[in-house]
Amino acid sequence: MSEENGFGADVEANIAGQQIRVRNVKSLNTLATVATLIICICGFAIGYQMFDAHAKDTKETTNAVVAALKDLTKVHRENGKEQVKEQRTLRCVMGSEQKDRRRAEDDCERNFR
């Protein structure tokens, strides 16, 4: 695994089928730095996986919200047309004289259908 020479040690490691060789390791600091680098790379990889999963979930949620808003808009438009007809009929009836309102109501409804 390691060979001692006059200045430091040569370190070889076989991790997940990959052979790693580091020459002339003079202190424990160098090993700690390499270990920290490996831990950071693993941390970034895990963070990326989490971010990617969050992005996919957000996209699905956004699509669901857009579909719901489209449905609400469609219902509102359909109901809005009916409300406009009723308001026009009411204005027409209110514009007629009080004694003629029963007959005017039928006429106004026919006009705005």
PDB file of N, CA and C in Angstrom:
ATOM      1  N   MET A   1       0.813  -1.183   0.000  1.00  0.00           N
ATOM      2  CA  MET A   1       0.000   0.000   0.000  1.00  0.00           C
ATOM      3  C   MET A   1       0.865   1.257   0.000  1.00  0.00           C
ATOM      4  N   SER A   2       1.862   1.308   0.841  1.00  0.00           N
ATOM      5  CA  SER A   2       2.724   2.482   0.823  1.00  0.00           C
ATOM      6  C   SER A   2       4.176   2.059   0.960  1.00  0.00           C
ATOM      7  N   GLU A   3       5.032   2.834   0.337  1.00  0.00           N
ATOM      8  CA  GLU A   3       6.464   2.581   0.419  1.00  0.00           C
ATOM      9  C   GLU A   3       7.124   3.805   1.043  1.00  0.00           C
ATOM     10  N   GLU A   4       8.021   3.569   1.963  1.00  0.00           N
ATOM     11  CA  GLU A   4       8.735   4.665   2.605  1.00  0.00           C
ATOM     12  C   GLU A   4       9.997   4.951   1.792  1.00  0.00           C
ATOM     13  N   ASN A   5      10.247   6.197   1.529  1.00  0.00           N
ATOM     14  CA  ASN A   5      11.534   6.599   0.977  1.00  0.00           C
ATOM     15  C   ASN A   5      12.077   7.724   1.861  1.00  0.00           C
ATOM     16  N   GLY A   6      13.161   8.294   1.507  1.00  0.00           N
ATOM     17  CA  GLY A   6      13.808   9.276   2.354  1.00  0.00           C
ATOM     18  C   GLY A   6      12.988  10.525   2.622  1.00  0.00           C
ATOM     19  N   PHE A   7      12.132  10.895   1.727  1.00  0.00           N
ATOM     20  CA  PHE A   7      11.419  12.161   1.867  1.00  0.00           C
ATOM     21  C   PHE A   7       9.954  11.994   2.269  1.00  0.00           C
ATOM     22  N   GLY A   8       9.357  10.846   2.038  1.00  0.00           N
ATOM     23  CA  GLY A   8       7.949  10.660   2.368  1.00  0.00           C
ATOM     24  C   GLY A   8       7.508   9.291   1.918  1.00  0.00           C
ATOM     25  N   ALA A   9       6.229   9.075   1.831  1.00  0.00           N
ATOM     26  CA  ALA A   9       5.691   7.766   1.456  1.00  0.00           C
ATOM     27  C   ALA A   9       4.928   7.885   0.152  1.00  0.00           C
ATOM     28  N   ASP A  10       4.989   6.819  -0.646  1.00  0.00           N
ATOM     29  CA  ASP A  10       4.167   6.727  -1.847  1.00  0.00           C
ATOM     30  C   ASP A  10       2.912   5.941  -1.477  1.00  0.00           C
ATOM     31  N   VAL A  11       1.761   6.525  -1.731  1.00  0.00           N
ATOM     32  CA  VAL A  11       0.497   5.906  -1.323  1.00  0.00           C
ATOM     33  C   VAL A  11      -0.259   5.480  -2.564  1.00  0.00           C
ATOM     34  N   GLU A  12      -0.717   4.228  -2.549  1.00  0.00           N
ATOM     35  CA  GLU A  12      -1.548   3.710  -3.629  1.00  0.00           C
ATOM     36  C   GLU A  12      -2.839   3.193  -3.020  1.00  0.00           C
ATOM     37  N   ALA A  13      -3.943   3.483  -3.673  1.00  0.00           N
ATOM     38  CA  ALA A  13      -5.236   3.001  -3.182  1.00  0.00           C
ATOM     39  C   ALA A  13      -6.060   2.536  -4.368  1.00  0.00           C
ATOM     40  N   ASN A  14      -6.848   1.517  -4.128  1.00  0.00           N
ATOM     41  CA  ASN A  14      -7.729   0.982  -5.156  1.00  0.00           C
ATOM     42  C   ASN A  14      -9.162   1.168  -4.655  1.00  0.00           C
ATOM     43  N   ILE A  15      -9.838   2.194  -5.158  1.00  0.00           N
ATOM     44  CA  ILE A  15     -11.182   2.548  -4.689  1.00  0.00           C
ATOM     45  C   ILE A  15     -12.159   2.393  -5.842  1.00  0.00           C
ATOM     46  N   ALA A  16     -13.140   1.538  -5.662  1.00  0.00           N
ATOM     47  CA  ALA A  16     -14.199   1.302  -6.657  1.00  0.00           C
ATOM     48  C   ALA A  16     -13.610   0.992  -8.027  1.00  0.00           C
ATOM     49  N   GLY A  17     -12.569   0.200  -8.056  1.00  0.00           N
ATOM     50  CA  GLY A  17     -11.975  -0.209  -9.322  1.00  0.00           C
ATOM     51  C   GLY A  17     -11.024   0.821  -9.922  1.00  0.00           C
ATOM     52  N   GLN A  18     -10.869   1.971  -9.269  1.00  0.00           N
ATOM     53  CA  GLN A  18      -9.971   3.006  -9.756  1.00  0.00           C
ATOM     54  C   GLN A  18      -8.708   2.997  -8.900  1.00  0.00           C
ATOM     55  N   GLN A  19      -7.572   3.014  -9.581  1.00  0.00           N
ATOM     56  CA  GLN A  19      -6.310   2.988  -8.852  1.00  0.00           C
ATOM     57  C   GLN A  19      -5.811   4.425  -8.683  1.00  0.00           C
ATOM     58  N   ILE A  20      -5.523   4.782  -7.437  1.00  0.00           N
ATOM     59  CA  ILE A  20      -5.056   6.126  -7.117  1.00  0.00           C
ATOM     60  C   ILE A  20      -3.636   6.007  -6.582  1.00  0.00           C
ATOM     61  N   ARG A  21      -2.725   6.815  -7.137  1.00  0.00           N
ATOM     62  CA  ARG A  21      -1.334   6.813  -6.681  1.00  0.00           C
ATOM     63  C   ARG A  21      -0.932   8.235  -6.308  1.00  0.00           C
ATOM     64  N   VAL A  22      -0.451   8.379  -5.097  1.00  0.00           N
ATOM     65  CA  VAL A  22       0.047   9.670  -4.643  1.00  0.00           C
ATOM     66  C   VAL A  22       1.496   9.452  -4.221  1.00  0.00           C
ATOM     67  N   ARG A  23       2.412  10.235  -4.770  1.00  0.00           N
ATOM     68  CA  ARG A  23       3.836  10.058  -4.475  1.00  0.00           C
ATOM     69  C   ARG A  23       4.319  11.082  -3.467  1.00  0.00           C
ATOM     70  N   ASN A  24       5.213  10.647  -2.669  1.00  0.00           N
ATOM     71  CA  ASN A  24       5.939  11.501  -1.737  1.00  0.00           C
ATOM     72  C   ASN A  24       5.004  12.227  -0.759  1.00  0.00           C
ATOM     73  N   VAL A  25       4.185  11.468  -0.045  1.00  0.00           N
ATOM     74  CA  VAL A  25       3.321  12.029   0.994  1.00  0.00           C
ATOM     75  C   VAL A  25       4.200  12.265   2.208  1.00  0.00           C
ATOM     76  N   LYS A  26       4.379  13.539   2.594  1.00  0.00           N
ATOM     77  CA  LYS A  26       5.324  13.869   3.656  1.00  0.00           C
ATOM     78  C   LYS A  26       4.666  13.952   5.030  1.00  0.00           C
ATOM     79  N   SER A  27       3.361  14.158   5.087  1.00  0.00           N
ATOM     80  CA  SER A  27       2.763  14.317   6.409  1.00  0.00           C
ATOM     81  C   SER A  27       1.314  13.865   6.400  1.00  0.00           C
ATOM     82  N   LEU A  28       0.762  13.824   7.559  1.00  0.00           N
ATOM     83  CA  LEU A  28      -0.633  13.456   7.722  1.00  0.00           C
ATOM     84  C   LEU A  28      -1.552  14.540   7.152  1.00  0.00           C
ATOM     85  N   ASN A  29      -1.057  15.759   7.074  1.00  0.00           N
ATOM     86  CA  ASN A  29      -1.834  16.858   6.495  1.00  0.00           C
ATOM     87  C   ASN A  29      -2.211  16.579   5.050  1.00  0.00           C
ATOM     88  N   THR A  30      -1.290  16.040   4.304  1.00  0.00           N
ATOM     89  CA  THR A  30      -1.560  15.730   2.905  1.00  0.00           C
ATOM     90  C   THR A  30      -2.657  14.677   2.800  1.00  0.00           C
ATOM     91  N   LEU A  31      -2.597  13.666   3.630  1.00  0.00           N
ATOM     92  CA  LEU A  31      -3.644  12.637   3.616  1.00  0.00           C
ATOM     93  C   LEU A  31      -4.999  13.228   4.021  1.00  0.00           C
ATOM     94  N   ALA A  32      -4.994  14.109   5.008  1.00  0.00           N
ATOM     95  CA  ALA A  32      -6.236  14.746   5.443  1.00  0.00           C
ATOM     96  C   ALA A  32      -6.807  15.622   4.332  1.00  0.00           C
ATOM     97  N   THR A  33      -5.941  16.287   3.586  1.00  0.00           N
ATOM     98  CA  THR A  33      -6.390  17.123   2.480  1.00  0.00           C
ATOM     99  C   THR A  33      -7.030  16.282   1.395  1.00  0.00           C
ATOM    100  N   VAL A  34      -6.409  15.165   1.055  1.00  0.00           N
ATOM    101  CA  VAL A  34      -6.971  14.263   0.045  1.00  0.00           C
ATOM    102  C   VAL A  34      -8.309  13.699   0.520  1.00  0.00           C
ATOM    103  N   ALA A  35      -8.386  13.289   1.781  1.00  0.00           N
ATOM    104  CA  ALA A  35      -9.643  12.761   2.331  1.00  0.00           C
ATOM    105  C   ALA A  35     -10.729  13.833   2.316  1.00  0.00           C
ATOM    106  N   THR A  36     -10.372  15.061   2.670  1.00  0.00           N
ATOM    107  CA  THR A  36     -11.342  16.163   2.650  1.00  0.00           C
ATOM    108  C   THR A  36     -11.828  16.431   1.232  1.00  0.00           C
ATOM    109  N   LEU A  37     -10.931  16.373   0.279  1.00  0.00           N
ATOM    110  CA  LEU A  37     -11.309  16.572  -1.119  1.00  0.00           C
ATOM    111  C   LEU A  37     -12.317  15.510  -1.559  1.00  0.00           C
ATOM    112  N   ILE A  38     -12.071  14.272  -1.212  1.00  0.00           N
ATOM    113  CA  ILE A  38     -12.986  13.186  -1.584  1.00  0.00           C
ATOM    114  C   ILE A  38     -14.343  13.383  -0.920  1.00  0.00           C
ATOM    115  N   ILE A  39     -14.355  13.775   0.343  1.00  0.00           N
ATOM    116  CA  ILE A  39     -15.619  14.009   1.050  1.00  0.00           C
ATOM    117  C   ILE A  39     -16.387  15.169   0.418  1.00  0.00           C
ATOM    118  N   CYS A  40     -15.680  16.232   0.040  1.00  0.00           N
ATOM    119  CA  CYS A  40     -16.339  17.379  -0.608  1.00  0.00           C
ATOM    120  C   CYS A  40     -16.946  16.993  -1.954  1.00  0.00           C
ATOM    121  N   ILE A  41     -16.216  16.220  -2.721  1.00  0.00           N
ATOM    122  CA  ILE A  41     -16.736  15.787  -4.024  1.00  0.00           C
ATOM    123  C   ILE A  41     -18.002  14.952  -3.831  1.00  0.00           C
ATOM    124  N   CYS A  42     -17.979  14.057  -2.858  1.00  0.00           N
ATOM    125  CA  CYS A  42     -19.179  13.245  -2.564  1.00  0.00           C
ATOM    126  C   CYS A  42     -20.334  14.133  -2.109  1.00  0.00           C
ATOM    127  N   GLY A  43     -20.036  15.122  -1.275  1.00  0.00           N
ATOM    128  CA  GLY A  43     -21.075  16.045  -0.809  1.00  0.00           C
ATOM    129  C   GLY A  43     -21.696  16.828  -1.947  1.00  0.00           C
ATOM    130  N   PHE A  44     -20.870  17.323  -2.862  1.00  0.00           N
ATOM    131  CA  PHE A  44     -21.397  18.045  -4.018  1.00  0.00           C
ATOM    132  C   PHE A  44     -22.245  17.142  -4.904  1.00  0.00           C
ATOM    133  N   ALA A  45     -21.832  15.892  -5.070  1.00  0.00           N
ATOM    134  CA  ALA A  45     -22.604  14.952  -5.886  1.00  0.00           C
ATOM    135  C   ALA A  45     -23.977  14.689  -5.261  1.00  0.00           C
ATOM    136  N   ILE A  46     -24.006  14.507  -3.944  1.00  0.00           N
ATOM    137  CA  ILE A  46     -25.286  14.284  -3.254  1.00  0.00           C
ATOM    138  C   ILE A  46     -26.159  15.540  -3.338  1.00  0.00           C
ATOM    139  N   GLY A  47     -25.563  16.702  -3.159  1.00  0.00           N
ATOM    140  CA  GLY A  47     -26.306  17.959  -3.270  1.00  0.00           C
ATOM    141  C   GLY A  47     -26.902  18.153  -4.652  1.00  0.00           C
ATOM    142  N   TYR A  48     -26.146  17.815  -5.673  1.00  0.00           N
ATOM    143  CA  TYR A  48     -26.656  17.935  -7.040  1.00  0.00           C
ATOM    144  C   TYR A  48     -27.842  17.010  -7.255  1.00  0.00           C
ATOM    145  N   GLN A  49     -27.747  15.779  -6.741  1.00  0.00           N
ATOM    146  CA  GLN A  49     -28.857  14.831  -6.884  1.00  0.00           C
ATOM    147  C   GLN A  49     -30.109  15.372  -6.206  1.00  0.00           C
ATOM    148  N   MET A  50     -29.948  15.942  -5.028  1.00  0.00           N
ATOM    149  CA  MET A  50     -31.098  16.507  -4.309  1.00  0.00           C
ATOM    150  C   MET A  50     -31.689  17.686  -5.069  1.00  0.00           C
ATOM    151  N   PHE A  51     -30.837  18.561  -5.592  1.00  0.00           N
ATOM    152  CA  PHE A  51     -31.312  19.715  -6.349  1.00  0.00           C
ATOM    153  C   PHE A  51     -32.046  19.275  -7.605  1.00  0.00           C
ATOM    154  N   ASP A  52     -31.515  18.283  -8.285  1.00  0.00           N
ATOM    155  CA  ASP A  52     -32.133  17.782  -9.511  1.00  0.00           C
ATOM    156  C   ASP A  52     -33.509  17.194  -9.221  1.00  0.00           C
ATOM    157  N   ALA A  53     -33.635  16.447  -8.143  1.00  0.00           N
ATOM    158  CA  ALA A  53     -34.935  15.875  -7.760  1.00  0.00           C
ATOM    159  C   ALA A  53     -35.916  16.993  -7.411  1.00  0.00           C
ATOM    160  N   HIS A  54     -35.439  18.027  -6.723  1.00  0.00           N
ATOM    161  CA  HIS A  54     -36.300  19.159  -6.366  1.00  0.00           C
ATOM    162  C   HIS A  54     -36.775  19.890  -7.623  1.00  0.00           C
ATOM    163  N   ALA A  55     -35.886  20.062  -8.592  1.00  0.00           N
ATOM    164  CA  ALA A  55     -36.257  20.750  -9.830  1.00  0.00           C
ATOM    165  C   ALA A  55     -37.341  19.976 -10.580  1.00  0.00           C
ATOM    166  N   LYS A  56     -37.231  18.658 -10.622  1.00  0.00           N
ATOM    167  CA  LYS A  56     -38.244  17.848 -11.296  1.00  0.00           C
ATOM    168  C   LYS A  56     -39.581  17.942 -10.570  1.00  0.00           C
ATOM    169  N   ASP A  57     -39.550  17.899  -9.234  1.00  0.00           N
ATOM    170  CA  ASP A  57     -40.777  17.991  -8.447  1.00  0.00           C
ATOM    171  C   ASP A  57     -41.430  19.357  -8.636  1.00  0.00           C
ATOM    172  N   THR A  58     -40.626  20.403  -8.682  1.00  0.00           N
ATOM    173  CA  THR A  58     -41.139  21.752  -8.878  1.00  0.00           C
ATOM    174  C   THR A  58     -41.807  21.879 -10.243  1.00  0.00           C
ATOM    175  N   LYS A  59     -41.219  21.273 -11.249  1.00  0.00           N
ATOM    176  CA  LYS A  59     -41.790  21.333 -12.591  1.00  0.00           C
ATOM    177  C   LYS A  59     -43.155  20.653 -12.626  1.00  0.00           C
ATOM    178  N   GLU A  60     -43.285  19.502 -11.966  1.00  0.00           N
ATOM    179  CA  GLU A  60     -44.567  18.799 -11.925  1.00  0.00           C
ATOM    180  C   GLU A  60     -45.612  19.628 -11.186  1.00  0.00           C
ATOM    181  N   THR A  61     -45.216  20.244 -10.082  1.00  0.00           N
ATOM    182  CA  THR A  61     -46.134  21.074  -9.310  1.00  0.00           C
ATOM    183  C   THR A  61     -46.581  22.280 -10.127  1.00  0.00           C
ATOM    184  N   THR A  62     -45.660  22.890 -10.840  1.00  0.00           N
ATOM    185  CA  THR A  62     -45.992  24.042 -11.669  1.00  0.00           C
ATOM    186  C   THR A  62     -46.987  23.648 -12.757  1.00  0.00           C
ATOM    187  N   ASN A  63     -46.779  22.510 -13.383  1.00  0.00           N
ATOM    188  CA  ASN A  63     -47.715  22.051 -14.416  1.00  0.00           C
ATOM    189  C   ASN A  63     -49.100  21.800 -13.837  1.00  0.00           C
ATOM    190  N   ALA A  64     -49.169  21.262 -12.619  1.00  0.00           N
ATOM    191  CA  ALA A  64     -50.461  21.017 -11.979  1.00  0.00           C
ATOM    192  C   ALA A  64     -51.174  22.332 -11.662  1.00  0.00           C
ATOM    193  N   VAL A  65     -50.425  23.323 -11.192  1.00  0.00           N
ATOM    194  CA  VAL A  65     -51.022  24.628 -10.886  1.00  0.00           C
ATOM    195  C   VAL A  65     -51.525  25.298 -12.156  1.00  0.00           C
ATOM    196  N   VAL A  66     -50.769  25.222 -13.228  1.00  0.00           N
ATOM    197  CA  VAL A  66     -51.190  25.820 -14.493  1.00  0.00           C
ATOM    198  C   VAL A  66     -52.470  25.160 -15.007  1.00  0.00           C
ATOM    199  N   ALA A  67     -52.554  23.840 -14.914  1.00  0.00           N
ATOM    200  CA  ALA A  67     -53.764  23.130 -15.347  1.00  0.00           C
ATOM    201  C   ALA A  67     -54.972  23.544 -14.508  1.00  0.00           C
ATOM    202  N   ALA A  68     -54.784  23.679 -13.204  1.00  0.00           N
ATOM    203  CA  ALA A  68     -55.884  24.107 -12.330  1.00  0.00           C
ATOM    204  C   ALA A  68     -56.334  25.525 -12.664  1.00  0.00           C
ATOM    205  N   LEU A  69     -55.387  26.423 -12.928  1.00  0.00           N
ATOM    206  CA  LEU A  69     -55.746  27.794 -13.298  1.00  0.00           C
ATOM    207  C   LEU A  69     -56.489  27.850 -14.628  1.00  0.00           C
ATOM    208  N   LYS A  70     -56.103  27.000 -15.571  1.00  0.00           N
ATOM    209  CA  LYS A  70     -56.813  26.950 -16.847  1.00  0.00           C
ATOM    210  C   LYS A  70     -58.252  26.499 -16.650  1.00  0.00           C
ATOM    211  N   ASP A  71     -58.445  25.491 -15.791  1.00  0.00           N
ATOM    212  CA  ASP A  71     -59.805  25.031 -15.505  1.00  0.00           C
ATOM    213  C   ASP A  71     -60.630  26.128 -14.840  1.00  0.00           C
ATOM    214  N   LEU A  72     -60.044  26.823 -13.875  1.00  0.00           N
ATOM    215  CA  LEU A  72     -60.757  27.901 -13.194  1.00  0.00           C
ATOM    216  C   LEU A  72     -61.111  29.030 -14.164  1.00  0.00           C
ATOM    217  N   THR A  73     -60.204  29.347 -15.069  1.00  0.00           N
ATOM    218  CA  THR A  73     -60.463  30.395 -16.053  1.00  0.00           C
ATOM    219  C   THR A  73     -61.617  30.002 -16.959  1.00  0.00           C
ATOM    220  N   LYS A  74     -61.634  28.746 -17.369  1.00  0.00           N
ATOM    221  CA  LYS A  74     -62.703  28.266 -18.244  1.00  0.00           C
ATOM    222  C   LYS A  74     -64.063  28.366 -17.539  1.00  0.00           C
ATOM    223  N   VAL A  75     -64.114  27.923 -16.284  1.00  0.00           N
ATOM    224  CA  VAL A  75     -65.367  27.991 -15.515  1.00  0.00           C
ATOM    225  C   VAL A  75     -65.784  29.440 -15.309  1.00  0.00           C
ATOM    226  N   HIS A  76     -64.811  30.300 -15.010  1.00  0.00           N
ATOM    227  CA  HIS A  76     -65.127  31.711 -14.788  1.00  0.00           C
ATOM    228  C   HIS A  76     -65.682  32.359 -16.051  1.00  0.00           C
ATOM    229  N   ARG A  77     -65.127  32.018 -17.186  1.00  0.00           N
ATOM    230  CA  ARG A  77     -65.628  32.589 -18.445  1.00  0.00           C
ATOM    231  C   ARG A  77     -67.054  32.133 -18.723  1.00  0.00           C
ATOM    232  N   GLU A  78     -67.322  30.845 -18.493  1.00  0.00           N
ATOM    233  CA  GLU A  78     -68.675  30.341 -18.728  1.00  0.00           C
ATOM    234  C   GLU A  78     -69.668  31.013 -17.792  1.00  0.00           C
ATOM    235  N   ASN A  79     -69.320  31.112 -16.516  1.00  0.00           N
ATOM    236  CA  ASN A  79     -70.209  31.758 -15.551  1.00  0.00           C
ATOM    237  C   ASN A  79     -70.301  33.255 -15.798  1.00  0.00           C
ATOM    238  N   GLY A  80     -69.215  33.836 -16.251  1.00  0.00           N
ATOM    239  CA  GLY A  80     -69.196  35.270 -16.534  1.00  0.00           C
ATOM    240  C   GLY A  80     -70.174  35.647 -17.627  1.00  0.00           C
ATOM    241  N   LYS A  81     -70.314  34.814 -18.644  1.00  0.00           N
ATOM    242  CA  LYS A  81     -71.251  35.102 -19.730  1.00  0.00           C
ATOM    243  C   LYS A  81     -72.684  35.109 -19.216  1.00  0.00           C
ATOM    244  N   GLU A  82     -72.989  34.163 -18.329  1.00  0.00           N
ATOM    245  CA  GLU A  82     -74.330  34.111 -17.743  1.00  0.00           C
ATOM    246  C   GLU A  82     -74.583  35.332 -16.876  1.00  0.00           C
ATOM    247  N   GLN A  83     -73.605  35.739 -16.123  1.00  0.00           N
ATOM    248  CA  GLN A  83     -73.768  36.907 -15.258  1.00  0.00           C
ATOM    249  C   GLN A  83     -73.990  38.169 -16.071  1.00  0.00           C
ATOM    250  N   VAL A  84     -73.280  38.291 -17.181  1.00  0.00           N
ATOM    251  CA  VAL A  84     -73.445  39.465 -18.040  1.00  0.00           C
ATOM    252  C   VAL A  84     -74.865  39.508 -18.600  1.00  0.00           C
ATOM    253  N   LYS A  85     -75.378  38.353 -19.027  1.00  0.00           N
ATOM    254  CA  LYS A  85     -76.754  38.304 -19.540  1.00  0.00           C
ATOM    255  C   LYS A  85     -77.747  38.719 -18.465  1.00  0.00           C
ATOM    256  N   GLU A  86     -77.554  38.225 -17.250  1.00  0.00           N
ATOM    257  CA  GLU A  86     -78.465  38.576 -16.155  1.00  0.00           C
ATOM    258  C   GLU A  86     -78.391  40.058 -15.824  1.00  0.00           C
ATOM    259  N   GLN A  87     -77.189  40.620 -15.826  1.00  0.00           N
ATOM    260  CA  GLN A  87     -77.037  42.051 -15.531  1.00  0.00           C
ATOM    261  C   GLN A  87     -77.708  42.902 -16.607  1.00  0.00           C
ATOM    262  N   ARG A  88     -77.551  42.519 -17.852  1.00  0.00           N
ATOM    263  CA  ARG A  88     -78.185  43.281 -18.939  1.00  0.00           C
ATOM    264  C   ARG A  88     -79.706  43.207 -18.836  1.00  0.00           C
ATOM    265  N   THR A  89     -80.198  42.011 -18.524  1.00  0.00           N
ATOM    266  CA  THR A  89     -81.646  41.850 -18.364  1.00  0.00           C
ATOM    267  C   THR A  89     -82.148  42.715 -17.210  1.00  0.00           C
ATOM    268  N   LEU A  90     -81.437  42.696 -16.085  1.00  0.00           N
ATOM    269  CA  LEU A  90     -81.842  43.486 -14.928  1.00  0.00           C
ATOM    270  C   LEU A  90     -81.830  44.978 -15.253  1.00  0.00           C
ATOM    271  N   ARG A  91     -80.805  45.458 -15.953  1.00  0.00           N
ATOM    272  CA  ARG A  91     -80.752  46.871 -16.342  1.00  0.00           C
ATOM    273  C   ARG A  91     -81.911  47.237 -17.251  1.00  0.00           C
ATOM    274  N   CYS A  92     -82.222  46.322 -18.166  1.00  0.00           N
ATOM    275  CA  CYS A  92     -83.323  46.570 -19.090  1.00  0.00           C
ATOM    276  C   CYS A  92     -84.653  46.667 -18.328  1.00  0.00           C
ATOM    277  N   VAL A  93     -84.839  45.749 -17.380  1.00  0.00           N
ATOM    278  CA  VAL A  93     -86.081  45.744 -16.593  1.00  0.00           C
ATOM    279  C   VAL A  93     -86.162  46.999 -15.726  1.00  0.00           C
ATOM    280  N   MET A  94     -85.045  47.361 -15.094  1.00  0.00           N
ATOM    281  CA  MET A  94     -85.043  48.552 -14.237  1.00  0.00           C
ATOM    282  C   MET A  94     -85.273  49.823 -15.041  1.00  0.00           C
ATOM    283  N   GLY A  95     -84.949  49.797 -16.310  1.00  0.00           N
ATOM    284  CA  GLY A  95     -85.145  50.975 -17.154  1.00  0.00           C
ATOM    285  C   GLY A  95     -86.590  51.160 -17.597  1.00  0.00           C
ATOM    286  N   SER A  96     -87.376  50.132 -17.446  1.00  0.00           N
ATOM    287  CA  SER A  96     -88.785  50.254 -17.850  1.00  0.00           C
ATOM    288  C   SER A  96     -89.604  50.786 -16.676  1.00  0.00           C
ATOM    289  N   GLU A  97     -90.800  51.189 -16.971  1.00  0.00           N
ATOM    290  CA  GLU A  97     -91.664  51.730 -15.916  1.00  0.00           C
ATOM    291  C   GLU A  97     -92.150  50.606 -15.014  1.00  0.00           C
ATOM    292  N   GLN A  98     -92.517  50.953 -13.789  1.00  0.00           N
ATOM    293  CA  GLN A  98     -92.864  49.958 -12.777  1.00  0.00           C
ATOM    294  C   GLN A  98     -94.062  49.108 -13.189  1.00  0.00           C
ATOM    295  N   LYS A  99     -95.047  49.698 -13.774  1.00  0.00           N
ATOM    296  CA  LYS A  99     -96.257  48.939 -14.123  1.00  0.00           C
ATOM    297  C   LYS A  99     -96.017  47.982 -15.291  1.00  0.00           C
ATOM    298  N   ASP A 100     -94.991  48.241 -16.121  1.00  0.00           N
ATOM    299  CA  ASP A 100     -94.722  47.398 -17.298  1.00  0.00           C
ATOM    300  C   ASP A 100     -93.575  46.406 -17.067  1.00  0.00           C
ATOM    301  N   ARG A 101     -93.115  46.255 -15.851  1.00  0.00           N
ATOM    302  CA  ARG A 101     -91.916  45.447 -15.596  1.00  0.00           C
ATOM    303  C   ARG A 101     -92.129  43.962 -15.847  1.00  0.00           C
ATOM    304  N   ARG A 102     -93.282  43.419 -15.584  1.00  0.00           N
ATOM    305  CA  ARG A 102     -93.509  41.991 -15.833  1.00  0.00           C
ATOM    306  C   ARG A 102     -93.371  41.686 -17.318  1.00  0.00           C
ATOM    307  N   ARG A 103     -93.984  42.473 -18.127  1.00  0.00           N
ATOM    308  CA  ARG A 103     -93.897  42.257 -19.572  1.00  0.00           C
ATOM    309  C   ARG A 103     -92.491  42.593 -20.069  1.00  0.00           C
ATOM    310  N   ALA A 104     -91.862  43.625 -19.508  1.00  0.00           N
ATOM    311  CA  ALA A 104     -90.521  44.031 -19.931  1.00  0.00           C
ATOM    312  C   ALA A 104     -89.496  42.952 -19.583  1.00  0.00           C
ATOM    313  N   GLU A 105     -89.721  42.237 -18.479  1.00  0.00           N
ATOM    314  CA  GLU A 105     -88.786  41.176 -18.092  1.00  0.00           C
ATOM    315  C   GLU A 105     -88.719  40.095 -19.166  1.00  0.00           C
ATOM    316  N   ASP A 106     -89.886  39.680 -19.666  1.00  0.00           N
ATOM    317  CA  ASP A 106     -89.899  38.670 -20.733  1.00  0.00           C
ATOM    318  C   ASP A 106     -89.243  39.199 -22.002  1.00  0.00           C
ATOM    319  N   ASP A 107     -89.532  40.432 -22.339  1.00  0.00           N
ATOM    320  CA  ASP A 107     -88.934  41.030 -23.549  1.00  0.00           C
ATOM    321  C   ASP A 107     -87.413  41.154 -23.415  1.00  0.00           C
ATOM    322  N   CYS A 108     -86.985  41.597 -22.255  1.00  0.00           N
ATOM    323  CA  CYS A 108     -85.539  41.777 -22.042  1.00  0.00           C
ATOM    324  C   CYS A 108     -84.811  40.434 -22.071  1.00  0.00           C
ATOM    325  N   GLU A 109     -85.397  39.391 -21.469  1.00  0.00           N
ATOM    326  CA  GLU A 109     -84.765  38.068 -21.494  1.00  0.00           C
ATOM    327  C   GLU A 109     -84.636  37.557 -22.919  1.00  0.00           C
ATOM    328  N   ARG A 110     -85.687  37.794 -23.723  1.00  0.00           N
ATOM    329  CA  ARG A 110     -85.616  37.352 -25.133  1.00  0.00           C
ATOM    330  C   ARG A 110     -84.526  38.130 -25.881  1.00  0.00           C
ATOM    331  N   ASN A 111     -84.371  39.391 -25.587  1.00  0.00           N
ATOM    332  CA  ASN A 111     -83.382  40.229 -26.289  1.00  0.00           C
ATOM    333  C   ASN A 111     -81.943  39.784 -26.012  1.00  0.00           C
ATOM    334  N   PHE A 112     -81.689  39.326 -24.792  1.00  0.00           N
ATOM    335  CA  PHE A 112     -80.298  39.051 -24.405  1.00  0.00           C
ATOM    336  C   PHE A 112     -79.941  37.570 -24.405  1.00  0.00           C
ATOM    337  N   ARG A 113     -80.733  36.719 -25.017  1.00  0.00           N
ATOM    338  CA  ARG A 113     -80.368  35.296 -25.108  1.00  0.00           C
ATOM    339  C   ARG A 113     -79.631  35.003 -26.353  1.00  0.00           C
TER     340      ARG A 113
END
